[in-house]
Protein backbone atom coordinates (compact mmCIF):
# COMPACT_ATOMS: atom_id res chain seq x y z
CA MET A 1 -15.88 -7.54 -14.88
CA THR A 2 -12.12 -7.16 -15.18
CA LYS A 3 -10.18 -8.92 -12.47
CA MET A 4 -8.06 -6.62 -10.35
CA THR A 5 -4.96 -8.66 -11.14
CA ALA A 6 -5.49 -8.23 -14.88
CA ALA A 7 -6.30 -4.55 -14.38
CA LEU A 8 -3.01 -3.99 -12.56
CA ARG A 9 -1.06 -5.88 -15.21
CA GLN A 10 -2.64 -3.71 -17.87
CA LEU A 11 -1.81 -0.54 -15.94
CA ILE A 12 1.81 -1.59 -15.56
CA LYS A 13 2.00 -2.44 -19.25
CA THR A 14 0.24 0.56 -20.75
CA SER A 15 0.43 3.45 -18.26
CA ASP A 16 3.01 6.13 -18.72
CA PHE A 17 3.60 6.17 -14.97
CA LEU A 18 1.73 4.87 -11.92
CA VAL A 19 1.30 6.67 -8.61
CA SER A 20 -0.09 4.46 -5.84
CA PRO A 21 -1.09 6.13 -2.56
CA GLY A 22 -0.63 4.03 0.54
CA VAL A 23 -3.96 3.20 2.18
CA TYR A 24 -4.71 1.66 5.54
CA ASP A 25 -8.45 1.92 6.25
CA GLY A 26 -11.79 2.28 4.49
CA TYR A 27 -11.63 6.08 4.44
CA SER A 28 -8.16 6.30 2.92
CA ALA A 29 -8.87 3.56 0.37
CA ARG A 30 -12.09 5.17 -0.84
CA LEU A 31 -10.56 8.64 -0.86
CA ALA A 32 -7.67 7.44 -3.05
CA GLU A 33 -10.12 6.00 -5.55
CA ALA A 34 -12.40 9.07 -5.40
CA ALA A 35 -9.40 11.31 -6.09
CA GLY A 36 -8.87 9.50 -9.39
CA PHE A 37 -5.85 7.33 -8.64
CA ALA A 38 -5.79 4.22 -10.80
CA SER A 39 -4.23 1.97 -8.16
CA ALA A 40 -3.36 1.92 -4.48
CA CYS A 41 -1.08 0.02 -2.16
CA THR A 42 -1.35 -0.87 1.49
CA SER A 43 1.15 0.47 3.96
CA GLY A 44 2.11 -2.29 6.36
CA ALA A 45 3.50 0.34 8.71
CA ALA A 46 0.27 2.34 8.67
CA ILE A 47 -1.84 -0.78 9.24
CA ALA A 48 0.32 -1.85 12.18
CA ASN A 49 0.25 1.71 13.57
CA SER A 50 -3.48 2.28 13.17
CA LEU A 51 -4.84 -1.22 13.75
CA LEU A 52 -2.61 -2.34 16.60
CA GLY A 53 -1.29 0.98 17.92
CA VAL A 54 2.31 -0.24 17.68
CA GLU A 55 5.37 0.70 15.66
CA ASP A 56 6.31 -1.20 12.50
CA LEU A 57 8.76 -3.59 14.16
CA GLY A 58 7.34 -6.91 13.01
CA PHE A 59 4.54 -7.19 15.57
CA MET A 60 1.68 -7.54 13.07
CA GLY A 61 0.98 -11.11 12.02
CA LEU A 62 -0.12 -12.66 8.74
CA SER A 63 -3.75 -13.20 9.73
CA GLU A 64 -4.21 -9.63 10.93
CA ASN A 65 -2.65 -8.25 7.76
CA VAL A 66 -4.60 -10.46 5.35
CA ALA A 67 -7.95 -9.85 7.08
CA HIS A 68 -7.46 -6.10 6.94
CA CYS A 69 -6.33 -6.15 3.30
CA ARG A 70 -9.38 -8.24 2.36
CA ASN A 71 -11.65 -5.49 3.66
CA LEU A 72 -9.67 -2.79 1.85
CA ALA A 73 -9.73 -4.66 -1.46
CA ARG A 74 -13.48 -5.18 -1.11
CA ALA A 75 -14.07 -1.47 -0.46
CA ILE A 76 -12.68 -0.17 -3.77
CA SER A 77 -12.81 -0.94 -7.48
CA ILE A 78 -9.19 -0.14 -8.33
CA PRO A 79 -6.34 -2.66 -8.00
CA LEU A 80 -4.68 -2.81 -4.60
CA THR A 81 -1.27 -4.26 -3.82
CA ALA A 82 -0.54 -5.48 -0.30
CA ASP A 83 2.55 -5.20 1.87
CA ALA A 84 3.29 -8.83 2.78
CA ASP A 85 6.38 -7.88 4.79
CA ASN A 86 9.02 -10.62 4.51
CA GLY A 87 6.50 -13.37 3.86
CA TYR A 88 6.29 -14.36 7.52
CA GLY A 89 8.97 -17.01 7.45
CA ASN A 90 10.95 -19.18 5.07
CA PRO A 91 10.09 -19.91 1.41
CA VAL A 92 7.47 -22.48 2.44
CA ASN A 93 5.80 -19.83 4.62
CA VAL A 94 5.96 -17.42 1.67
CA HIS A 95 4.10 -19.96 -0.48
CA PHE A 96 1.27 -20.02 2.06
CA THR A 97 1.37 -16.25 2.56
CA VAL A 98 0.99 -15.44 -1.13
CA GLN A 99 -2.00 -17.75 -1.48
CA ARG A 100 -3.72 -16.10 1.49
CA PHE A 101 -3.23 -12.63 0.01
CA GLU A 102 -4.38 -13.74 -3.42
CA GLU A 103 -7.53 -15.20 -1.88
CA ALA A 104 -8.11 -11.85 -0.14
CA GLY A 105 -8.61 -10.14 -3.50
CA VAL A 106 -5.51 -7.98 -3.73
CA ALA A 107 -3.77 -7.68 -7.10
CA GLY A 108 -0.23 -8.35 -5.91
CA VAL A 109 2.15 -8.26 -2.97
CA ASN A 110 5.45 -6.74 -1.89
CA LEU A 111 7.90 -9.26 -0.47
CA GLU A 112 11.03 -7.90 1.18
CA ASP A 113 14.39 -9.50 1.92
CA GLN A 114 14.58 -8.47 5.57
CA VAL A 115 15.19 -10.94 8.39
CA SER A 116 12.52 -11.72 10.99
CA PRO A 117 11.40 -9.77 12.88
CA LYS A 118 11.37 -7.12 10.18
CA ARG A 119 11.09 -3.38 10.66
CA CYS A 120 10.18 -0.33 8.62
CA GLY A 121 12.72 -0.03 5.81
CA HIS A 122 13.56 3.53 6.81
CA MET A 123 14.47 2.68 10.39
CA PRO A 124 17.99 1.97 11.63
CA GLY A 125 18.84 -1.56 12.75
CA LYS A 126 17.40 -3.55 9.85
CA ASN A 127 19.12 -6.59 8.35
CA VAL A 128 18.58 -8.82 5.33
CA VAL A 129 18.56 -12.53 4.60
CA SER A 130 21.00 -14.00 2.11
CA CYS A 131 20.40 -13.40 -1.57
CA ASP A 132 19.96 -17.16 -2.07
CA GLU A 133 17.20 -17.32 0.53
CA MET A 134 15.32 -14.39 -1.00
CA VAL A 135 15.62 -15.95 -4.45
CA LYS A 136 13.87 -19.02 -3.08
CA LYS A 137 11.18 -16.79 -1.58
CA VAL A 138 10.54 -15.13 -4.93
CA GLU A 139 10.38 -18.56 -6.60
CA ALA A 140 7.96 -19.75 -3.90
CA ALA A 141 5.76 -16.69 -4.43
CA CYS A 142 5.60 -17.24 -8.18
CA LEU A 143 4.82 -20.95 -7.68
CA ALA A 144 2.09 -20.21 -5.13
CA ARG A 145 -0.08 -17.87 -7.18
CA ARG A 146 -3.03 -19.42 -8.94
CA ASP A 147 -3.55 -16.43 -11.21
CA ASP A 148 -0.57 -15.68 -13.43
CA ASP A 149 -1.55 -11.98 -13.42
CA PHE A 150 -1.02 -11.74 -9.66
CA VAL A 151 1.97 -9.39 -9.32
CA ILE A 152 5.02 -10.36 -7.27
CA ILE A 153 6.97 -7.25 -6.23
CA ALA A 154 10.43 -8.11 -4.91
CA ARG A 155 11.64 -5.49 -2.47
CA THR A 156 15.24 -5.21 -1.40
CA ASP A 157 16.41 -3.40 1.72
CA SER A 158 20.05 -4.17 0.92
CA LEU A 159 21.13 -0.68 -0.15
CA ALA A 160 21.71 0.39 3.43
CA LEU A 161 23.69 -2.76 4.24
CA GLU A 162 25.46 -3.94 1.08
CA GLY A 163 25.63 -0.74 -0.95
CA ILE A 164 24.68 -0.31 -4.57
CA GLU A 165 26.78 -3.21 -5.82
CA GLY A 166 25.12 -5.64 -3.45
CA ALA A 167 21.68 -4.29 -4.30
CA VAL A 168 22.34 -4.57 -8.04
CA ALA A 169 23.41 -8.20 -7.63
CA ARG A 170 20.25 -8.94 -5.69
CA VAL A 171 18.02 -7.20 -8.23
CA LYS A 172 19.44 -9.30 -11.04
CA ALA A 173 18.93 -12.47 -9.00
CA TYR A 174 15.33 -11.56 -8.08
CA VAL A 175 14.52 -10.80 -11.71
CA ALA A 176 15.94 -14.18 -12.74
CA ALA A 177 13.79 -15.83 -10.05
CA GLY A 178 10.62 -14.44 -11.65
CA ALA A 179 9.83 -11.15 -9.90
CA ASP A 180 7.31 -9.03 -11.82
CA MET A 181 8.49 -5.74 -10.35
CA ILE A 182 11.54 -4.58 -8.41
CA PHE A 183 11.28 -2.35 -5.35
CA PRO A 184 14.53 -0.90 -3.95
CA ASP A 185 13.66 0.69 -0.63
CA ALA A 186 15.36 3.72 0.92
CA VAL A 187 17.15 4.82 -2.26
CA LYS A 188 19.53 7.69 -1.61
CA SER A 189 20.29 9.16 -5.04
CA ARG A 190 19.43 9.38 -8.72
CA GLU A 191 22.54 7.34 -9.44
CA GLN A 192 21.26 4.48 -7.29
CA ILE A 193 17.89 4.53 -9.03
CA ALA A 194 19.53 4.51 -12.46
CA ARG A 195 21.71 1.52 -11.50
CA ILE A 196 18.70 -0.41 -10.17
CA VAL A 197 16.65 0.30 -13.30
CA GLU A 198 19.54 -0.85 -15.48
CA ALA A 199 19.96 -4.05 -13.43
CA ALA A 200 16.23 -4.83 -13.61
CA GLY A 201 16.28 -4.77 -17.42
CA ASP A 202 12.77 -5.28 -18.80
CA VAL A 203 11.23 -5.72 -15.35
CA PRO A 204 9.59 -2.48 -14.11
CA VAL A 205 10.92 -0.67 -11.06
CA THR A 206 8.84 0.96 -8.32
CA VAL A 207 10.24 3.35 -5.71
CA ASN A 208 8.90 4.56 -2.40
CA MET A 209 8.54 8.32 -1.98
CA GLY A 210 7.01 7.87 1.47
CA PHE A 211 5.32 11.14 2.37
CA GLY A 212 5.03 12.25 -1.25
CA ILE A 213 4.90 15.97 -0.51
CA ARG A 214 7.24 16.16 2.47
CA SER A 215 10.94 15.33 2.56
CA ARG A 216 12.50 12.83 4.95
CA PRO A 217 16.11 11.95 5.78
CA THR A 218 16.17 8.47 4.23
CA THR A 219 14.96 9.20 0.69
CA PRO A 220 15.14 12.50 -1.25
CA LEU A 221 12.02 13.86 -2.91
CA PHE A 222 12.22 13.22 -6.65
CA SER A 223 9.79 14.74 -9.13
CA ILE A 224 7.67 12.41 -11.21
CA PRO A 225 9.21 13.69 -14.49
CA GLU A 226 12.63 12.97 -13.05
CA LEU A 227 11.66 9.46 -11.96
CA LYS A 228 10.20 8.79 -15.41
CA SER A 229 13.38 10.00 -17.05
CA LEU A 230 15.33 7.54 -14.89
CA GLY A 231 13.16 4.69 -16.12
CA VAL A 232 11.01 4.20 -13.00
CA LYS A 233 7.52 2.86 -13.73
CA ARG A 234 5.71 3.39 -10.43
CA VAL A 235 5.97 5.36 -7.22
CA SER A 236 4.28 4.44 -3.95
CA LEU A 237 3.35 6.94 -1.24
CA PRO A 238 2.85 4.71 1.82
CA ARG A 239 3.15 7.35 4.54
CA MET A 240 1.37 10.30 2.92
CA LEU A 241 -2.24 9.60 3.93
CA PRO A 242 -1.57 8.41 7.49
CA ALA A 243 0.69 11.42 8.05
CA ALA A 244 -2.02 13.73 6.70
CA SER A 245 -4.60 12.11 8.96
CA ILE A 246 -2.40 12.47 12.04
CA LYS A 247 -1.83 16.14 11.26
CA ALA A 248 -5.52 16.84 10.71
CA MET A 249 -6.66 14.94 13.80
CA THR A 250 -4.07 16.73 15.93
CA LEU A 251 -5.40 20.11 14.80
CA VAL A 252 -9.03 19.15 15.43
CA LEU A 253 -8.31 17.75 18.88
CA LYS A 254 -6.43 20.93 19.78
CA GLU A 255 -9.39 23.01 18.60
CA MET A 256 -11.77 20.88 20.67
CA LYS A 257 -9.62 21.39 23.78
CA THR A 258 -9.99 25.15 23.27
CA VAL A 259 -13.77 24.74 23.01
CA ILE A 260 -13.77 22.79 26.28
CA GLU A 261 -11.65 25.41 28.05
CA THR A 262 -13.59 28.47 26.82
CA GLY A 263 -17.06 26.95 26.82
CA VAL A 264 -17.71 28.70 23.51
CA PRO A 265 -18.84 26.48 20.62
CA VAL A 266 -17.23 27.01 17.25
CA ASP A 267 -18.21 26.00 13.74
CA ARG A 268 -15.12 24.93 11.75
CA PRO A 269 -16.19 23.38 8.43
CA ASP A 270 -12.67 24.11 7.18
CA LEU A 271 -11.35 21.44 9.57
CA LEU A 272 -14.00 18.75 9.22
CA ALA A 273 -15.85 16.92 6.49
CA SER A 274 -19.64 17.10 6.71
CA ILE A 275 -21.81 14.11 7.52
CA GLU A 276 -22.99 14.29 3.92
CA ASP A 277 -19.38 14.02 2.76
CA ILE A 278 -18.92 10.90 4.86
CA TRP A 279 -22.16 9.34 3.66
CA SER A 280 -21.24 10.03 0.05
CA LEU A 281 -17.75 8.59 0.42
CA MET A 282 -19.04 5.40 2.01
CA GLY A 283 -21.88 4.86 -0.48
CA PHE A 284 -24.91 5.61 1.68
CA ASP A 285 -27.09 6.57 -1.31
CA GLU A 286 -26.37 3.22 -2.96
CA ALA A 287 -27.15 1.42 0.29
CA GLN A 288 -30.48 3.24 0.56
CA GLU A 289 -31.35 2.32 -3.03
CA LEU A 290 -30.62 -1.31 -2.24
CA GLU A 291 -32.87 -1.11 0.82
CA ARG A 292 -35.69 0.25 -1.30
CA LYS A 293 -35.30 -2.69 -3.68
CA LEU A 294 -34.99 -5.43 -1.09
CA LEU A 295 -37.04 -4.41 1.96
CA THR A 296 -40.70 -5.30 2.25
CA THR A 297 -43.34 -2.66 1.67
CA ALA A 298 -43.95 -2.46 5.43
CA GLU A 299 -40.25 -2.03 6.17
CA ARG A 300 -39.91 0.69 3.52
CA SER A 301 -42.92 2.48 4.93
CA GLU A 302 -41.52 2.38 8.45
CA ARG A 303 -38.04 3.48 7.39
CA TYR A 304 -38.76 5.98 4.60
CA GLY A 305 -42.48 6.73 4.87
CA GLU A 306 -43.00 5.09 1.47
CA GLN A 307 -46.10 3.12 0.51
């Protein structure tokens, strides 16, 4: 069986363009795979929001993140990259952090150059460490991995603070330190993307389109053909699925409130998946087949009426 790290490397090398939806739970991870996407990425913001019920302001710790990503990686058979935030400390902490994520079965990690505590890259009030410190973090990440195919994605949040010239200087330094992919967050224009791609040279560039099919103030919506023409190799959509879930759940809860108020039941299959849909997504048929193989004759008889 192909390792997920090798699979991701091959995708980066041979794919025309990669689109990685951001996932944050078993449903979203399995849905991304079922929809035919070749890779996925975790959204640290969505995990913090959904798992802890807090905003992405650096409250989620390493252990919580790694444990959750381990379950997500186990749930799917496509390569998953994890959001490792700023590595949870200095370069020595980054060394430990990368090993924990690699052991969890993800195919690579994002490491950002924000200070601690970090915050969502599209929020005001963020700040970055020195370029020299981030270079050491990238070096530590590369040294820590046991599998050379494990992908180190160096993210820079410096555009908002140091402008394009500062970001370009950082990109060149992160590439020299061994980064496998460059991730400029909160890009504002095509010109910025083009400058980053040029600075990265042979190292592929990934950009964050956030909601994917809805605009936001911090990053314009660029078409995939346009991103490809600019030399971008991958786009991540970290906020798309959690935003879709919030919208859908809001509508369903509103409908249920109406049912409570009127006392009249309604049947809205347009708003809800069926139980069969859920079973299929989560592999219930496969689980039943395994039960039939492994349970005793008496247990099968009791559970399925089989002799």
